[in-house]
């Protein structure tokens, strides 16, 4: 069996705390958290995977 590997600064306890947070979160709290992560000048949308590189390219040229 393979051993779990965590990102730098993470351990099993932190992973369990994060998991518990999202498992116990209400839909309203989840929506509030999602909305807080998007700036008023931004939008969130689904993009087909094969178009992601082009979208990133467009964003990079706009931010330059």
PDB file of N, CA and C in Angstrom:
ATOM      1  N   UNK A   1       0.844  -1.169   0.000  1.00  0.00           N
ATOM      2  CA  UNK A   1       0.000   0.000   0.000  1.00  0.00           C
ATOM      3  C   UNK A   1       0.899   1.245   0.000  1.00  0.00           C
ATOM      4  N   UNK A   2       0.487   2.278  -0.752  1.00  0.00           N
ATOM      5  CA  UNK A   2       1.308   3.486  -0.813  1.00  0.00           C
ATOM      6  C   UNK A   2       1.006   4.399   0.366  1.00  0.00           C
ATOM      7  N   UNK A   3       2.000   5.176   0.719  1.00  0.00           N
ATOM      8  CA  UNK A   3       1.876   6.097   1.838  1.00  0.00           C
ATOM      9  C   UNK A   3       1.261   7.412   1.354  1.00  0.00           C
ATOM     10  N   UNK A   4       0.381   8.026   2.172  1.00  0.00           N
ATOM     11  CA  UNK A   4      -0.197   9.315   1.810  1.00  0.00           C
ATOM     12  C   UNK A   4       0.893  10.371   1.789  1.00  0.00           C
ATOM     13  N   UNK A   5       0.836  11.246   0.792  1.00  0.00           N
ATOM     14  CA  UNK A   5       1.785  12.351   0.708  1.00  0.00           C
ATOM     15  C   UNK A   5       0.983  13.642   0.773  1.00  0.00           C
ATOM     16  N   UNK A   6       1.419  14.548   1.604  1.00  0.00           N
ATOM     17  CA  UNK A   6       0.728  15.810   1.794  1.00  0.00           C
ATOM     18  C   UNK A   6       1.575  16.951   1.251  1.00  0.00           C
ATOM     19  N   UNK A   7       0.927  18.038   0.836  1.00  0.00           N
ATOM     20  CA  UNK A   7       1.684  19.211   0.398  1.00  0.00           C
ATOM     21  C   UNK A   7       2.542  19.747   1.544  1.00  0.00           C
ATOM     22  N   UNK A   8       3.528  20.529   1.193  1.00  0.00           N
ATOM     23  CA  UNK A   8       4.405  21.135   2.196  1.00  0.00           C
ATOM     24  C   UNK A   8       3.571  21.887   3.227  1.00  0.00           C
ATOM     25  N   UNK A   9       3.843  21.662   4.496  1.00  0.00           N
ATOM     26  CA  UNK A   9       3.121  22.334   5.574  1.00  0.00           C
ATOM     27  C   UNK A   9       1.847  21.624   6.006  1.00  0.00           C
ATOM     28  N   UNK A  10       1.488  20.559   5.327  1.00  0.00           N
ATOM     29  CA  UNK A  10       0.287  19.805   5.664  1.00  0.00           C
ATOM     30  C   UNK A  10       0.683  18.478   6.307  1.00  0.00           C
ATOM     31  N   UNK A  11      -0.222  17.966   7.142  1.00  0.00           N
ATOM     32  CA  UNK A  11      -0.076  16.631   7.694  1.00  0.00           C
ATOM     33  C   UNK A  11      -1.472  16.020   7.762  1.00  0.00           C
ATOM     34  N   UNK A  12      -1.562  14.811   8.253  1.00  0.00           N
ATOM     35  CA  UNK A  12      -2.851  14.130   8.285  1.00  0.00           C
ATOM     36  C   UNK A  12      -3.879  14.899   9.121  1.00  0.00           C
ATOM     37  N   UNK A  13      -3.448  15.475  10.231  1.00  0.00           N
ATOM     38  CA  UNK A  13      -4.373  16.211  11.099  1.00  0.00           C
ATOM     39  C   UNK A  13      -4.952  17.427  10.371  1.00  0.00           C
ATOM     40  N   UNK A  14      -4.117  18.172   9.676  1.00  0.00           N
ATOM     41  CA  UNK A  14      -4.619  19.345   8.952  1.00  0.00           C
ATOM     42  C   UNK A  14      -5.579  18.916   7.852  1.00  0.00           C
ATOM     43  N   UNK A  15      -5.257  17.848   7.149  1.00  0.00           N
ATOM     44  CA  UNK A  15      -6.140  17.348   6.105  1.00  0.00           C
ATOM     45  C   UNK A  15      -7.493  16.949   6.693  1.00  0.00           C
ATOM     46  N   UNK A  16      -7.487  16.311   7.849  1.00  0.00           N
ATOM     47  CA  UNK A  16      -8.744  15.927   8.498  1.00  0.00           C
ATOM     48  C   UNK A  16      -9.562  17.145   8.917  1.00  0.00           C
ATOM     49  N   UNK A  17      -8.891  18.193   9.427  1.00  0.00           N
ATOM     50  CA  UNK A  17      -9.602  19.423   9.824  1.00  0.00           C
ATOM     51  C   UNK A  17     -10.255  20.092   8.619  1.00  0.00           C
ATOM     52  N   UNK A  18      -9.530  20.163   7.508  1.00  0.00           N
ATOM     53  CA  UNK A  18     -10.084  20.787   6.301  1.00  0.00           C
ATOM     54  C   UNK A  18     -11.265  19.970   5.791  1.00  0.00           C
ATOM     55  N   UNK A  19     -11.109  18.665   5.756  1.00  0.00           N
ATOM     56  CA  UNK A  19     -12.192  17.795   5.320  1.00  0.00           C
ATOM     57  C   UNK A  19     -13.422  17.963   6.209  1.00  0.00           C
ATOM     58  N   UNK A  20     -13.226  18.001   7.514  1.00  0.00           N
ATOM     59  CA  UNK A  20     -14.348  18.179   8.444  1.00  0.00           C
ATOM     60  C   UNK A  20     -15.041  19.518   8.202  1.00  0.00           C
ATOM     61  N   UNK A  21     -14.258  20.560   7.941  1.00  0.00           N
ATOM     62  CA  UNK A  21     -14.832  21.887   7.684  1.00  0.00           C
ATOM     63  C   UNK A  21     -15.814  21.820   6.517  1.00  0.00           C
ATOM     64  N   UNK A  22     -15.385  21.212   5.405  1.00  0.00           N
ATOM     65  CA  UNK A  22     -16.245  21.178   4.219  1.00  0.00           C
ATOM     66  C   UNK A  22     -17.385  20.183   4.351  1.00  0.00           C
ATOM     67  N   UNK A  23     -17.198  19.107   5.096  1.00  0.00           N
ATOM     68  CA  UNK A  23     -18.288  18.154   5.295  1.00  0.00           C
ATOM     69  C   UNK A  23     -19.388  18.732   6.180  1.00  0.00           C
ATOM     70  N   UNK A  24     -19.033  19.617   7.102  1.00  0.00           N
ATOM     71  CA  UNK A  24     -20.005  20.196   8.035  1.00  0.00           C
ATOM     72  C   UNK A  24     -20.599  21.511   7.539  1.00  0.00           C
ATOM     73  N   UNK A  25     -20.074  22.039   6.457  1.00  0.00           N
ATOM     74  CA  UNK A  25     -20.492  23.342   5.948  1.00  0.00           C
ATOM     75  C   UNK A  25     -21.888  23.261   5.322  1.00  0.00           C
ATOM     76  N   UNK A  26     -22.727  24.264   5.625  1.00  0.00           N
ATOM     77  CA  UNK A  26     -24.046  24.320   5.004  1.00  0.00           C
ATOM     78  C   UNK A  26     -23.897  24.809   3.562  1.00  0.00           C
ATOM     79  N   UNK A  27     -24.926  24.590   2.752  1.00  0.00           N
ATOM     80  CA  UNK A  27     -24.883  25.073   1.370  1.00  0.00           C
ATOM     81  C   UNK A  27     -24.762  26.590   1.339  1.00  0.00           C
ATOM     82  N   UNK A  28     -25.460  27.261   2.249  1.00  0.00           N
ATOM     83  CA  UNK A  28     -25.401  28.731   2.310  1.00  0.00           C
ATOM     84  C   UNK A  28     -23.983  29.206   2.643  1.00  0.00           C
ATOM     85  N   UNK A  29     -23.341  28.544   3.610  1.00  0.00           N
ATOM     86  CA  UNK A  29     -21.967  28.912   3.965  1.00  0.00           C
ATOM     87  C   UNK A  29     -21.008  28.647   2.805  1.00  0.00           C
ATOM     88  N   UNK A  30     -21.229  27.551   2.092  1.00  0.00           N
ATOM     89  CA  UNK A  30     -20.372  27.224   0.945  1.00  0.00           C
ATOM     90  C   UNK A  30     -20.519  28.281  -0.141  1.00  0.00           C
ATOM     91  N   UNK A  31     -21.739  28.710  -0.405  1.00  0.00           N
ATOM     92  CA  UNK A  31     -21.981  29.737  -1.411  1.00  0.00           C
ATOM     93  C   UNK A  31     -21.324  31.052  -1.004  1.00  0.00           C
ATOM     94  N   UNK A  32     -21.457  31.424   0.261  1.00  0.00           N
ATOM     95  CA  UNK A  32     -20.831  32.651   0.761  1.00  0.00           C
ATOM     96  C   UNK A  32     -19.318  32.584   0.602  1.00  0.00           C
ATOM     97  N   UNK A  33     -18.736  31.445   0.926  1.00  0.00           N
ATOM     98  CA  UNK A  33     -17.287  31.269   0.784  1.00  0.00           C
ATOM     99  C   UNK A  33     -16.865  31.349  -0.682  1.00  0.00           C
ATOM    100  N   UNK A  34     -17.627  30.714  -1.565  1.00  0.00           N
ATOM    101  CA  UNK A  34     -17.312  30.768  -2.997  1.00  0.00           C
ATOM    102  C   UNK A  34     -17.381  32.197  -3.524  1.00  0.00           C
ATOM    103  N   UNK A  35     -18.430  32.916  -3.156  1.00  0.00           N
ATOM    104  CA  UNK A  35     -18.598  34.283  -3.639  1.00  0.00           C
ATOM    105  C   UNK A  35     -17.518  35.214  -3.109  1.00  0.00           C
ATOM    106  N   UNK A  36     -17.034  34.961  -1.906  1.00  0.00           N
ATOM    107  CA  UNK A  36     -15.986  35.793  -1.319  1.00  0.00           C
ATOM    108  C   UNK A  36     -14.665  35.642  -2.072  1.00  0.00           C
ATOM    109  N   UNK A  37     -14.492  34.536  -2.772  1.00  0.00           N
ATOM    110  CA  UNK A  37     -13.244  34.290  -3.486  1.00  0.00           C
ATOM    111  C   UNK A  37     -13.197  34.884  -4.874  1.00  0.00           C
ATOM    112  N   UNK A  38     -14.277  35.529  -5.299  1.00  0.00           N
ATOM    113  CA  UNK A  38     -14.337  36.110  -6.640  1.00  0.00           C
ATOM    114  C   UNK A  38     -14.449  37.624  -6.519  1.00  0.00           C
ATOM    115  N   UNK A  39     -13.496  38.322  -7.139  1.00  0.00           N
ATOM    116  CA  UNK A  39     -13.522  39.790  -7.119  1.00  0.00           C
ATOM    117  C   UNK A  39     -14.714  40.287  -7.932  1.00  0.00           C
ATOM    118  N   UNK A  40     -15.253  41.460  -7.585  1.00  0.00           N
ATOM    119  CA  UNK A  40     -16.407  41.997  -8.313  1.00  0.00           C
ATOM    120  C   UNK A  40     -16.159  42.157  -9.821  1.00  0.00           C
ATOM    121  N   UNK A  41     -14.922  42.312 -10.221  1.00  0.00           N
ATOM    122  CA  UNK A  41     -14.614  42.484 -11.644  1.00  0.00           C
ATOM    123  C   UNK A  41     -14.342  41.155 -12.349  1.00  0.00           C
ATOM    124  N   UNK A  42     -14.552  40.034 -11.654  1.00  0.00           N
ATOM    125  CA  UNK A  42     -14.278  38.722 -12.223  1.00  0.00           C
ATOM    126  C   UNK A  42     -15.555  37.908 -12.353  1.00  0.00           C
ATOM    127  N   UNK A  43     -15.461  36.814 -13.097  1.00  0.00           N
ATOM    128  CA  UNK A  43     -16.564  35.868 -13.200  1.00  0.00           C
ATOM    129  C   UNK A  43     -15.990  34.455 -13.192  1.00  0.00           C
ATOM    130  N   UNK A  44     -16.828  33.509 -12.884  1.00  0.00           N
ATOM    131  CA  UNK A  44     -16.427  32.103 -12.863  1.00  0.00           C
ATOM    132  C   UNK A  44     -17.275  31.382 -13.892  1.00  0.00           C
ATOM    133  N   UNK A  45     -16.620  30.543 -14.712  1.00  0.00           N
ATOM    134  CA  UNK A  45     -17.375  29.811 -15.722  1.00  0.00           C
ATOM    135  C   UNK A  45     -16.677  28.497 -16.048  1.00  0.00           C
ATOM    136  N   UNK A  46     -17.430  27.574 -16.606  1.00  0.00           N
ATOM    137  CA  UNK A  46     -16.863  26.305 -17.055  1.00  0.00           C
ATOM    138  C   UNK A  46     -16.257  26.503 -18.433  1.00  0.00           C
ATOM    139  N   UNK A  47     -15.069  25.942 -18.603  1.00  0.00           N
ATOM    140  CA  UNK A  47     -14.366  26.029 -19.884  1.00  0.00           C
ATOM    141  C   UNK A  47     -13.939  24.618 -20.261  1.00  0.00           C
ATOM    142  N   UNK A  48     -14.195  24.190 -21.499  1.00  0.00           N
ATOM    143  CA  UNK A  48     -13.723  22.864 -21.903  1.00  0.00           C
ATOM    144  C   UNK A  48     -12.206  22.758 -21.725  1.00  0.00           C
ATOM    145  N   UNK A  49     -11.747  21.620 -21.231  1.00  0.00           N
ATOM    146  CA  UNK A  49     -10.316  21.449 -20.922  1.00  0.00           C
ATOM    147  C   UNK A  49      -9.408  21.778 -22.085  1.00  0.00           C
ATOM    148  N   UNK A  50      -9.814  21.415 -23.274  1.00  0.00           N
ATOM    149  CA  UNK A  50      -8.925  21.661 -24.406  1.00  0.00           C
ATOM    150  C   UNK A  50      -8.769  23.153 -24.710  1.00  0.00           C
ATOM    151  N   UNK A  51      -9.649  23.989 -24.171  1.00  0.00           N
ATOM    152  CA  UNK A  51      -9.550  25.436 -24.382  1.00  0.00           C
ATOM    153  C   UNK A  51      -8.813  26.162 -23.257  1.00  0.00           C
ATOM    154  N   UNK A  52      -8.555  25.475 -22.165  1.00  0.00           N
ATOM    155  CA  UNK A  52      -7.916  26.115 -21.008  1.00  0.00           C
ATOM    156  C   UNK A  52      -6.595  26.792 -21.366  1.00  0.00           C
ATOM    157  N   UNK A  53      -5.702  26.159 -22.121  1.00  0.00           N
ATOM    158  CA  UNK A  53      -4.450  26.847 -22.464  1.00  0.00           C
ATOM    159  C   UNK A  53      -4.677  28.163 -23.218  1.00  0.00           C
ATOM    160  N   UNK A  54      -5.639  28.173 -24.126  1.00  0.00           N
ATOM    161  CA  UNK A  54      -5.935  29.405 -24.878  1.00  0.00           C
ATOM    162  C   UNK A  54      -6.505  30.486 -23.959  1.00  0.00           C
ATOM    163  N   UNK A  55      -7.385  30.094 -23.051  1.00  0.00           N
ATOM    164  CA  UNK A  55      -7.965  31.054 -22.110  1.00  0.00           C
ATOM    165  C   UNK A  55      -6.873  31.643 -21.226  1.00  0.00           C
ATOM    166  N   UNK A  56      -5.972  30.800 -20.737  1.00  0.00           N
ATOM    167  CA  UNK A  56      -4.853  31.291 -19.923  1.00  0.00           C
ATOM    168  C   UNK A  56      -3.990  32.259 -20.715  1.00  0.00           C
ATOM    169  N   UNK A  57      -3.751  31.925 -21.965  1.00  0.00           N
ATOM    170  CA  UNK A  57      -2.958  32.786 -22.847  1.00  0.00           C
ATOM    171  C   UNK A  57      -3.623  34.149 -23.000  1.00  0.00           C
ATOM    172  N   UNK A  58      -4.923  34.148 -23.239  1.00  0.00           N
ATOM    173  CA  UNK A  58      -5.661  35.414 -23.371  1.00  0.00           C
ATOM    174  C   UNK A  58      -5.600  36.247 -22.095  1.00  0.00           C
ATOM    175  N   UNK A  59      -5.758  35.593 -20.957  1.00  0.00           N
ATOM    176  CA  UNK A  59      -5.704  36.303 -19.678  1.00  0.00           C
ATOM    177  C   UNK A  59      -4.307  36.881 -19.480  1.00  0.00           C
ATOM    178  N   UNK A  60      -3.282  36.117 -19.796  1.00  0.00           N
ATOM    179  CA  UNK A  60      -1.907  36.599 -19.626  1.00  0.00           C
ATOM    180  C   UNK A  60      -1.626  37.825 -20.479  1.00  0.00           C
ATOM    181  N   UNK A  61      -2.133  37.846 -21.703  1.00  0.00           N
ATOM    182  CA  UNK A  61      -1.889  39.003 -22.564  1.00  0.00           C
ATOM    183  C   UNK A  61      -2.642  40.225 -22.065  1.00  0.00           C
ATOM    184  N   UNK A  62      -3.793  40.013 -21.485  1.00  0.00           N
ATOM    185  CA  UNK A  62      -4.575  41.146 -20.951  1.00  0.00           C
ATOM    186  C   UNK A  62      -3.924  41.731 -19.709  1.00  0.00           C
ATOM    187  N   UNK A  63      -3.327  40.900 -18.884  1.00  0.00           N
ATOM    188  CA  UNK A  63      -2.715  41.365 -17.641  1.00  0.00           C
ATOM    189  C   UNK A  63      -1.343  41.974 -17.858  1.00  0.00           C
ATOM    190  N   UNK A  64      -0.764  41.806 -19.020  1.00  0.00           N
ATOM    191  CA  UNK A  64       0.587  42.326 -19.291  1.00  0.00           C
ATOM    192  C   UNK A  64       0.579  43.823 -19.473  1.00  0.00           C
TER     193      UNK A  64
END
